[in-house]
PDB file of N, CA and C in Angstrom:
ATOM      1  N   MET A   1     -20.303   4.642  10.412  1.00  0.00           N
ATOM      2  CA  MET A   1     -20.112   3.561   9.479  1.00  0.00           C
ATOM      3  C   MET A   1     -20.497   2.254  10.173  1.00  0.00           C
ATOM      4  N   VAL A   2     -21.223   1.440   9.453  1.00  0.00           N
ATOM      5  CA  VAL A   2     -21.671   0.152   9.951  1.00  0.00           C
ATOM      6  C   VAL A   2     -20.918  -0.941   9.195  1.00  0.00           C
ATOM      7  N   ILE A   3     -20.322  -1.870   9.929  1.00  0.00           N
ATOM      8  CA  ILE A   3     -19.663  -3.015   9.306  1.00  0.00           C
ATOM      9  C   ILE A   3     -20.596  -4.205   9.443  1.00  0.00           C
ATOM     10  N   SER A   4     -20.924  -4.826   8.307  1.00  0.00           N
ATOM     11  CA  SER A   4     -21.898  -5.919   8.297  1.00  0.00           C
ATOM     12  C   SER A   4     -21.279  -7.169   7.690  1.00  0.00           C
ATOM     13  N   THR A   5     -21.942  -8.303   7.935  1.00  0.00           N
ATOM     14  CA  THR A   5     -21.543  -9.563   7.318  1.00  0.00           C
ATOM     15  C   THR A   5     -22.763 -10.212   6.690  1.00  0.00           C
ATOM     16  N   ILE A   6     -22.501 -11.022   5.688  1.00  0.00           N
ATOM     17  CA  ILE A   6     -23.558 -11.778   5.017  1.00  0.00           C
ATOM     18  C   ILE A   6     -22.929 -13.075   4.526  1.00  0.00           C
ATOM     19  N   SER A   7     -23.677 -14.157   4.573  1.00  0.00           N
ATOM     20  CA  SER A   7     -23.157 -15.419   4.048  1.00  0.00           C
ATOM     21  C   SER A   7     -23.133 -15.341   2.522  1.00  0.00           C
ATOM     22  N   ASN A   8     -22.272 -16.126   1.924  1.00  0.00           N
ATOM     23  CA  ASN A   8     -22.188 -16.163   0.469  1.00  0.00           C
ATOM     24  C   ASN A   8     -23.523 -16.588  -0.132  1.00  0.00           C
ATOM     25  N   ARG A   9     -24.199 -17.536   0.521  1.00  0.00           N
ATOM     26  CA  ARG A   9     -25.497 -18.013   0.036  1.00  0.00           C
ATOM     27  C   ARG A   9     -26.527 -16.874   0.038  1.00  0.00           C
ATOM     28  N   ASP A  10     -26.590 -16.106   1.157  1.00  0.00           N
ATOM     29  CA  ASP A  10     -27.535 -14.989   1.232  1.00  0.00           C
ATOM     30  C   ASP A  10     -27.174 -13.892   0.238  1.00  0.00           C
ATOM     31  N   PHE A  11     -25.885 -13.692   0.037  1.00  0.00           N
ATOM     32  CA  PHE A  11     -25.444 -12.698  -0.944  1.00  0.00           C
ATOM     33  C   PHE A  11     -25.949 -13.070  -2.336  1.00  0.00           C
ATOM     34  N   GLU A  12     -25.771 -14.339  -2.709  1.00  0.00           N
ATOM     35  CA  GLU A  12     -26.212 -14.796  -4.032  1.00  0.00           C
ATOM     36  C   GLU A  12     -27.731 -14.723  -4.190  1.00  0.00           C
ATOM     37  N   ARG A  13     -28.455 -14.934  -3.104  1.00  0.00           N
ATOM     38  CA  ARG A  13     -29.924 -14.894  -3.157  1.00  0.00           C
ATOM     39  C   ARG A  13     -30.467 -13.480  -3.241  1.00  0.00           C
ATOM     40  N   ASN A  14     -29.752 -12.516  -2.627  1.00  0.00           N
ATOM     41  CA  ASN A  14     -30.294 -11.165  -2.551  1.00  0.00           C
ATOM     42  C   ASN A  14     -29.190 -10.116  -2.694  1.00  0.00           C
ATOM     43  N   VAL A  15     -28.704  -9.969  -3.915  1.00  0.00           N
ATOM     44  CA  VAL A  15     -27.645  -9.002  -4.198  1.00  0.00           C
ATOM     45  C   VAL A  15     -28.121  -7.577  -3.913  1.00  0.00           C
ATOM     46  N   ALA A  16     -29.377  -7.284  -4.184  1.00  0.00           N
ATOM     47  CA  ALA A  16     -29.896  -5.932  -3.954  1.00  0.00           C
ATOM     48  C   ALA A  16     -29.798  -5.548  -2.479  1.00  0.00           C
ATOM     49  N   ALA A  17     -30.114  -6.484  -1.586  1.00  0.00           N
ATOM     50  CA  ALA A  17     -30.005  -6.208  -0.146  1.00  0.00           C
ATOM     51  C   ALA A  17     -28.544  -5.993   0.250  1.00  0.00           C
ATOM     52  N   ALA A  18     -27.649  -6.745  -0.362  1.00  0.00           N
ATOM     53  CA  ALA A  18     -26.222  -6.580  -0.076  1.00  0.00           C
ATOM     54  C   ALA A  18     -25.748  -5.196  -0.514  1.00  0.00           C
ATOM     55  N   LYS A  19     -26.178  -4.750  -1.666  1.00  0.00           N
ATOM     56  CA  LYS A  19     -25.807  -3.405  -2.145  1.00  0.00           C
ATOM     57  C   LYS A  19     -26.304  -2.338  -1.178  1.00  0.00           C
ATOM     58  N   ARG A  20     -27.536  -2.497  -0.700  1.00  0.00           N
ATOM     59  CA  ARG A  20     -28.076  -1.520   0.250  1.00  0.00           C
ATOM     60  C   ARG A  20     -27.257  -1.516   1.537  1.00  0.00           C
ATOM     61  N   ALA A  21     -26.877  -2.683   2.027  1.00  0.00           N
ATOM     62  CA  ALA A  21     -26.092  -2.773   3.256  1.00  0.00           C
ATOM     63  C   ALA A  21     -24.714  -2.145   3.070  1.00  0.00           C
ATOM     64  N   ALA A  22     -24.131  -2.291   1.887  1.00  0.00           N
ATOM     65  CA  ALA A  22     -22.794  -1.749   1.623  1.00  0.00           C
ATOM     66  C   ALA A  22     -22.780  -0.225   1.553  1.00  0.00           C
ATOM     67  N   LYS A  23     -23.931   0.393   1.389  1.00  0.00           N
ATOM     68  CA  LYS A  23     -23.983   1.857   1.389  1.00  0.00           C
ATOM     69  C   LYS A  23     -23.668   2.427   2.771  1.00  0.00           C
ATOM     70  N   ASP A  24     -23.926   1.641   3.825  1.00  0.00           N
ATOM     71  CA  ASP A  24     -23.696   2.108   5.199  1.00  0.00           C
ATOM     72  C   ASP A  24     -22.298   1.780   5.710  1.00  0.00           C
ATOM     73  N   GLY A  25     -21.568   0.942   4.993  1.00  0.00           N
ATOM     74  CA  GLY A  25     -20.224   0.553   5.417  1.00  0.00           C
ATOM     75  C   GLY A  25     -19.834  -0.749   4.754  1.00  0.00           C
ATOM     76  N   PRO A  26     -18.620  -1.216   5.018  1.00  0.00           N
ATOM     77  CA  PRO A  26     -18.150  -2.443   4.379  1.00  0.00           C
ATOM     78  C   PRO A  26     -19.050  -3.634   4.703  1.00  0.00           C
ATOM     79  N   LEU A  27     -19.279  -4.479   3.715  1.00  0.00           N
ATOM     80  CA  LEU A  27     -20.074  -5.687   3.886  1.00  0.00           C
ATOM     81  C   LEU A  27     -19.157  -6.880   3.618  1.00  0.00           C
ATOM     82  N   PHE A  28     -18.860  -7.647   4.662  1.00  0.00           N
ATOM     83  CA  PHE A  28     -18.005  -8.826   4.535  1.00  0.00           C
ATOM     84  C   PHE A  28     -18.857 -10.005   4.098  1.00  0.00           C
ATOM     85  N   ILE A  29     -18.429 -10.680   3.029  1.00  0.00           N
ATOM     86  CA  ILE A  29     -19.127 -11.857   2.526  1.00  0.00           C
ATOM     87  C   ILE A  29     -18.385 -13.080   3.058  1.00  0.00           C
ATOM     88  N   ILE A  30     -19.119 -13.917   3.776  1.00  0.00           N
ATOM     89  CA  ILE A  30     -18.533 -15.054   4.492  1.00  0.00           C
ATOM     90  C   ILE A  30     -18.680 -16.332   3.682  1.00  0.00           C
ATOM     91  N   GLU A  31     -17.573 -17.042   3.504  1.00  0.00           N
ATOM     92  CA  GLU A  31     -17.576 -18.362   2.865  1.00  0.00           C
ATOM     93  C   GLU A  31     -16.863 -19.333   3.796  1.00  0.00           C
ATOM     94  N   GLY A  32     -17.498 -20.442   4.104  1.00  0.00           N
ATOM     95  CA  GLY A  32     -16.879 -21.435   4.970  1.00  0.00           C
ATOM     96  C   GLY A  32     -16.536 -20.905   6.349  1.00  0.00           C
ATOM     97  N   GLY A  33     -17.339 -19.982   6.831  1.00  0.00           N
ATOM     98  CA  GLY A  33     -17.136 -19.434   8.164  1.00  0.00           C
ATOM     99  C   GLY A  33     -16.062 -18.356   8.252  1.00  0.00           C
ATOM    100  N   GLU A  34     -15.448 -17.996   7.133  1.00  0.00           N
ATOM    101  CA  GLU A  34     -14.383 -16.989   7.116  1.00  0.00           C
ATOM    102  C   GLU A  34     -14.718 -15.873   6.133  1.00  0.00           C
ATOM    103  N   PRO A  35     -14.317 -14.631   6.424  1.00  0.00           N
ATOM    104  CA  PRO A  35     -14.503 -13.552   5.447  1.00  0.00           C
ATOM    105  C   PRO A  35     -13.726 -13.866   4.168  1.00  0.00           C
ATOM    106  N   ALA A  36     -14.411 -13.769   3.034  1.00  0.00           N
ATOM    107  CA  ALA A  36     -13.772 -14.075   1.752  1.00  0.00           C
ATOM    108  C   ALA A  36     -13.727 -12.864   0.826  1.00  0.00           C
ATOM    109  N   TYR A  37     -14.710 -11.984   0.945  1.00  0.00           N
ATOM    110  CA  TYR A  37     -14.808 -10.811   0.085  1.00  0.00           C
ATOM    111  C   TYR A  37     -15.336  -9.641   0.915  1.00  0.00           C
ATOM    112  N   VAL A  38     -15.123  -8.436   0.383  1.00  0.00           N
ATOM    113  CA  VAL A  38     -15.690  -7.234   0.998  1.00  0.00           C
ATOM    114  C   VAL A  38     -16.354  -6.424  -0.097  1.00  0.00           C
ATOM    115  N   LEU A  39     -17.590  -6.053   0.129  1.00  0.00           N
ATOM    116  CA  LEU A  39     -18.331  -5.208  -0.806  1.00  0.00           C
ATOM    117  C   LEU A  39     -18.342  -3.794  -0.238  1.00  0.00           C
ATOM    118  N   LEU A  40     -17.904  -2.828  -1.070  1.00  0.00           N
ATOM    119  CA  LEU A  40     -17.846  -1.422  -0.659  1.00  0.00           C
ATOM    120  C   LEU A  40     -18.605  -0.566  -1.654  1.00  0.00           C
ATOM    121  N   SER A  41     -19.115   0.563  -1.179  1.00  0.00           N
ATOM    122  CA  SER A  41     -19.651   1.546  -2.114  1.00  0.00           C
ATOM    123  C   SER A  41     -18.471   2.165  -2.853  1.00  0.00           C
ATOM    124  N   ILE A  42     -18.716   2.754  -3.984  1.00  0.00           N
ATOM    125  CA  ILE A  42     -17.633   3.373  -4.751  1.00  0.00           C
ATOM    126  C   ILE A  42     -16.993   4.514  -3.966  1.00  0.00           C
ATOM    127  N   GLU A  43     -17.796   5.228  -3.172  1.00  0.00           N
ATOM    128  CA  GLU A  43     -17.249   6.321  -2.367  1.00  0.00           C
ATOM    129  C   GLU A  43     -16.261   5.786  -1.333  1.00  0.00           C
ATOM    130  N   GLN A  44     -16.617   4.690  -0.673  1.00  0.00           N
ATOM    131  CA  GLN A  44     -15.721   4.086   0.314  1.00  0.00           C
ATOM    132  C   GLN A  44     -14.445   3.586  -0.355  1.00  0.00           C
ATOM    133  N   TYR A  45     -14.588   2.974  -1.515  1.00  0.00           N
ATOM    134  CA  TYR A  45     -13.432   2.479  -2.249  1.00  0.00           C
ATOM    135  C   TYR A  45     -12.499   3.626  -2.628  1.00  0.00           C
ATOM    136  N   GLN A  46     -13.055   4.707  -3.126  1.00  0.00           N
ATOM    137  CA  GLN A  46     -12.241   5.846  -3.532  1.00  0.00           C
ATOM    138  C   GLN A  46     -11.511   6.458  -2.339  1.00  0.00           C
ATOM    139  N   LEU A  47     -12.158   6.506  -1.181  1.00  0.00           N
ATOM    140  CA  LEU A  47     -11.477   7.007   0.014  1.00  0.00           C
ATOM    141  C   LEU A  47     -10.301   6.113   0.400  1.00  0.00           C
ATOM    142  N   LEU A  48     -10.478   4.809   0.270  1.00  0.00           N
ATOM    143  CA  LEU A  48      -9.408   3.875   0.614  1.00  0.00           C
ATOM    144  C   LEU A  48      -8.235   3.939  -0.351  1.00  0.00           C
ATOM    145  N   THR A  49      -8.512   4.205  -1.612  1.00  0.00           N
ATOM    146  CA  THR A  49      -7.455   4.160  -2.620  1.00  0.00           C
ATOM    147  C   THR A  49      -6.876   5.524  -2.960  1.00  0.00           C
ATOM    148  N   LYS A  50      -7.436   6.578  -2.429  1.00  0.00           N
ATOM    149  CA  LYS A  50      -6.930   7.918  -2.740  1.00  0.00           C
ATOM    150  C   LYS A  50      -5.526   8.073  -2.167  1.00  0.00           C
ATOM    151  N   ARG A  51      -4.606   8.475  -3.004  1.00  0.00           N
ATOM    152  CA  ARG A  51      -3.223   8.678  -2.559  1.00  0.00           C
ATOM    153  C   ARG A  51      -3.073  10.077  -1.985  1.00  0.00           C
ATOM    154  N   ARG A  52      -2.325  10.152  -0.925  1.00  0.00           N
ATOM    155  CA  ARG A  52      -1.997  11.430  -0.312  1.00  0.00           C
ATOM    156  C   ARG A  52      -0.574  11.765  -0.740  1.00  0.00           C
ATOM    157  N   HIS A  53      -0.413  12.816  -1.513  1.00  0.00           N
ATOM    158  CA  HIS A  53       0.900  13.147  -2.058  1.00  0.00           C
ATOM    159  C   HIS A  53       1.712  14.093  -1.185  1.00  0.00           C
ATOM    160  N   ASN A  54       1.047  14.801  -0.300  1.00  0.00           N
ATOM    161  CA  ASN A  54       1.800  15.729   0.535  1.00  0.00           C
ATOM    162  C   ASN A  54       1.084  15.938   1.861  1.00  0.00           C
ATOM    163  N   ILE A  55       1.731  16.628   2.756  1.00  0.00           N
ATOM    164  CA  ILE A  55       1.187  16.834   4.101  1.00  0.00           C
ATOM    165  C   ILE A  55      -0.118  17.633   4.062  1.00  0.00           C
ATOM    166  N   VAL A  56      -0.243  18.549   3.122  1.00  0.00           N
ATOM    167  CA  VAL A  56      -1.470  19.346   3.020  1.00  0.00           C
ATOM    168  C   VAL A  56      -2.656  18.436   2.690  1.00  0.00           C
ATOM    169  N   ASP A  57      -2.466  17.508   1.738  1.00  0.00           N
ATOM    170  CA  ASP A  57      -3.542  16.565   1.412  1.00  0.00           C
ATOM    171  C   ASP A  57      -3.878  15.684   2.608  1.00  0.00           C
ATOM    172  N   ALA A  58      -2.853  15.216   3.304  1.00  0.00           N
ATOM    173  CA  ALA A  58      -3.081  14.343   4.451  1.00  0.00           C
ATOM    174  C   ALA A  58      -3.843  15.074   5.550  1.00  0.00           C
ATOM    175  N   LEU A  59      -3.502  16.320   5.801  1.00  0.00           N
ATOM    176  CA  LEU A  59      -4.180  17.078   6.848  1.00  0.00           C
ATOM    177  C   LEU A  59      -5.601  17.477   6.451  1.00  0.00           C
ATOM    178  N   ALA A  60      -5.897  17.431   5.174  1.00  0.00           N
ATOM    179  CA  ALA A  60      -7.236  17.766   4.699  1.00  0.00           C
ATOM    180  C   ALA A  60      -8.175  16.571   4.747  1.00  0.00           C
ATOM    181  N   MET A  61      -7.691  15.425   5.237  1.00  0.00           N
ATOM    182  CA  MET A  61      -8.524  14.230   5.329  1.00  0.00           C
ATOM    183  C   MET A  61      -9.733  14.491   6.225  1.00  0.00           C
ATOM    184  N   PRO A  62     -10.878  13.902   5.876  1.00  0.00           N
ATOM    185  CA  PRO A  62     -12.025  14.028   6.768  1.00  0.00           C
ATOM    186  C   PRO A  62     -11.717  13.401   8.124  1.00  0.00           C
ATOM    187  N   ARG A  63     -12.150  14.036   9.182  1.00  0.00           N
ATOM    188  CA  ARG A  63     -12.005  13.548  10.559  1.00  0.00           C
ATOM    189  C   ARG A  63     -10.552  13.381  10.987  1.00  0.00           C
ATOM    190  N   VAL A  64      -9.637  14.152  10.383  1.00  0.00           N
ATOM    191  CA  VAL A  64      -8.229  14.031  10.755  1.00  0.00           C
ATOM    192  C   VAL A  64      -8.013  14.388  12.226  1.00  0.00           C
ATOM    193  N   ALA A  65      -8.854  15.245  12.771  1.00  0.00           N
ATOM    194  CA  ALA A  65      -8.708  15.635  14.176  1.00  0.00           C
ATOM    195  C   ALA A  65      -8.960  14.461  15.123  1.00  0.00           C
ATOM    196  N   GLU A  66      -9.642  13.422  14.643  1.00  0.00           N
ATOM    197  CA  GLU A  66      -9.931  12.264  15.483  1.00  0.00           C
ATOM    198  C   GLU A  66      -8.746  11.307  15.612  1.00  0.00           C
ATOM    199  N   ILE A  67      -7.715  11.524  14.800  1.00  0.00           N
ATOM    200  CA  ILE A  67      -6.543  10.652  14.848  1.00  0.00           C
ATOM    201  C   ILE A  67      -5.666  11.080  16.010  1.00  0.00           C
ATOM    202  N   GLY A  68      -5.417  10.162  16.917  1.00  0.00           N
ATOM    203  CA  GLY A  68      -4.586  10.470  18.082  1.00  0.00           C
ATOM    204  C   GLY A  68      -3.112  10.470  17.717  1.00  0.00           C
ATOM    205  N   PHE A  69      -2.463  11.606  17.894  1.00  0.00           N
ATOM    206  CA  PHE A  69      -1.034  11.693  17.607  1.00  0.00           C
ATOM    207  C   PHE A  69      -0.414  12.752  18.505  1.00  0.00           C
ATOM    208  N   GLU A  70       0.462  12.331  19.346  1.00  0.00           N
ATOM    209  CA  GLU A  70       1.213  13.237  20.220  1.00  0.00           C
ATOM    210  C   GLU A  70       2.693  13.005  19.969  1.00  0.00           C
ATOM    211  N   PRO A  71       3.313  13.826  19.143  1.00  0.00           N
ATOM    212  CA  PRO A  71       4.742  13.615  18.894  1.00  0.00           C
ATOM    213  C   PRO A  71       5.547  13.886  20.164  1.00  0.00           C
ATOM    214  N   PRO A  72       6.617  13.118  20.380  1.00  0.00           N
ATOM    215  CA  PRO A  72       7.428  13.357  21.573  1.00  0.00           C
ATOM    216  C   PRO A  72       8.177  14.676  21.449  1.00  0.00           C
ATOM    217  N   ARG A  73       8.374  15.325  22.593  1.00  0.00           N
ATOM    218  CA  ARG A  73       9.145  16.570  22.591  1.00  0.00           C
ATOM    219  C   ARG A  73      10.589  16.228  22.302  1.00  0.00           C
ATOM    220  N   LEU A  74      11.199  17.054  21.514  1.00  0.00           N
ATOM    221  CA  LEU A  74      12.589  16.861  21.152  1.00  0.00           C
ATOM    222  C   LEU A  74      13.447  17.729  22.053  1.00  0.00           C
ATOM    223  N   ALA A  75      14.354  17.099  22.778  1.00  0.00           N
ATOM    224  CA  ALA A  75      15.260  17.847  23.669  1.00  0.00           C
ATOM    225  C   ALA A  75      16.578  18.048  22.950  1.00  0.00           C
ATOM    226  N   ILE A  76      16.868  19.274  22.640  1.00  0.00           N
ATOM    227  CA  ILE A  76      18.114  19.598  21.964  1.00  0.00           C
ATOM    228  C   ILE A  76      18.997  20.389  22.913  1.00  0.00           C
ATOM    229  N   GLY A  77      20.188  19.875  23.144  1.00  0.00           N
ATOM    230  CA  GLY A  77      21.123  20.612  23.985  1.00  0.00           C
ATOM    231  C   GLY A  77      21.901  21.603  23.123  1.00  0.00           C
ATOM    232  N   LEU A  78      21.680  22.891  23.313  1.00  0.00           N
ATOM    233  CA  LEU A  78      22.372  23.916  22.515  1.00  0.00           C
ATOM    234  C   LEU A  78      23.582  24.419  23.292  1.00  0.00           C
ATOM    235  N   HIS A  79      24.666  24.538  22.601  1.00  0.00           N
ATOM    236  CA  HIS A  79      25.905  25.049  23.184  1.00  0.00           C
ATOM    237  C   HIS A  79      26.393  26.197  22.314  1.00  0.00           C
ATOM    238  N   PRO A  80      26.977  27.221  22.921  1.00  0.00           N
ATOM    239  CA  PRO A  80      27.490  28.335  22.119  1.00  0.00           C
ATOM    240  C   PRO A  80      28.623  27.842  21.209  1.00  0.00           C
ATOM    241  N   ALA A  81      28.632  28.392  20.004  1.00  0.00           N
ATOM    242  CA  ALA A  81      29.669  28.019  19.049  1.00  0.00           C
ATOM    243  C   ALA A  81      31.005  28.660  19.454  1.00  0.00           C
ATOM    244  N   ASP A  82      32.080  27.950  19.211  1.00  0.00           N
ATOM    245  CA  ASP A  82      33.423  28.462  19.505  1.00  0.00           C
ATOM    246  C   ASP A  82      34.096  28.774  18.177  1.00  0.00           C
ATOM    247  N   PHE A  83      34.216  30.080  17.856  1.00  0.00           N
ATOM    248  CA  PHE A  83      34.795  30.495  16.591  1.00  0.00           C
ATOM    249  C   PHE A  83      36.279  30.794  16.698  1.00  0.00           C
ATOM    250  N   ALA A  84      36.910  30.487  17.809  1.00  0.00           N
ATOM    251  CA  ALA A  84      38.328  30.815  17.974  1.00  0.00           C
ATOM    252  C   ALA A  84      39.224  29.798  17.379  1.00  0.00           C
TER     253      ALA A  84
END
């Protein structure tokens, strides 16, 4: 994915070029030296807004293996039950 920027003036002059750039990744539109808008392809937008309802959906995410997660080991002290 490529993240690009374009000035608001250039965006207004060449919307077609902005659309092409947004196919490769988010395109930040700059106004007054600051990001003001982001142009995304519909596929990128849908990925961002898709709700994950359960763990199975979350684990089915593309590139989930790239997410670094090492849960800490849980130390449980077990003691025999006293039924007397």
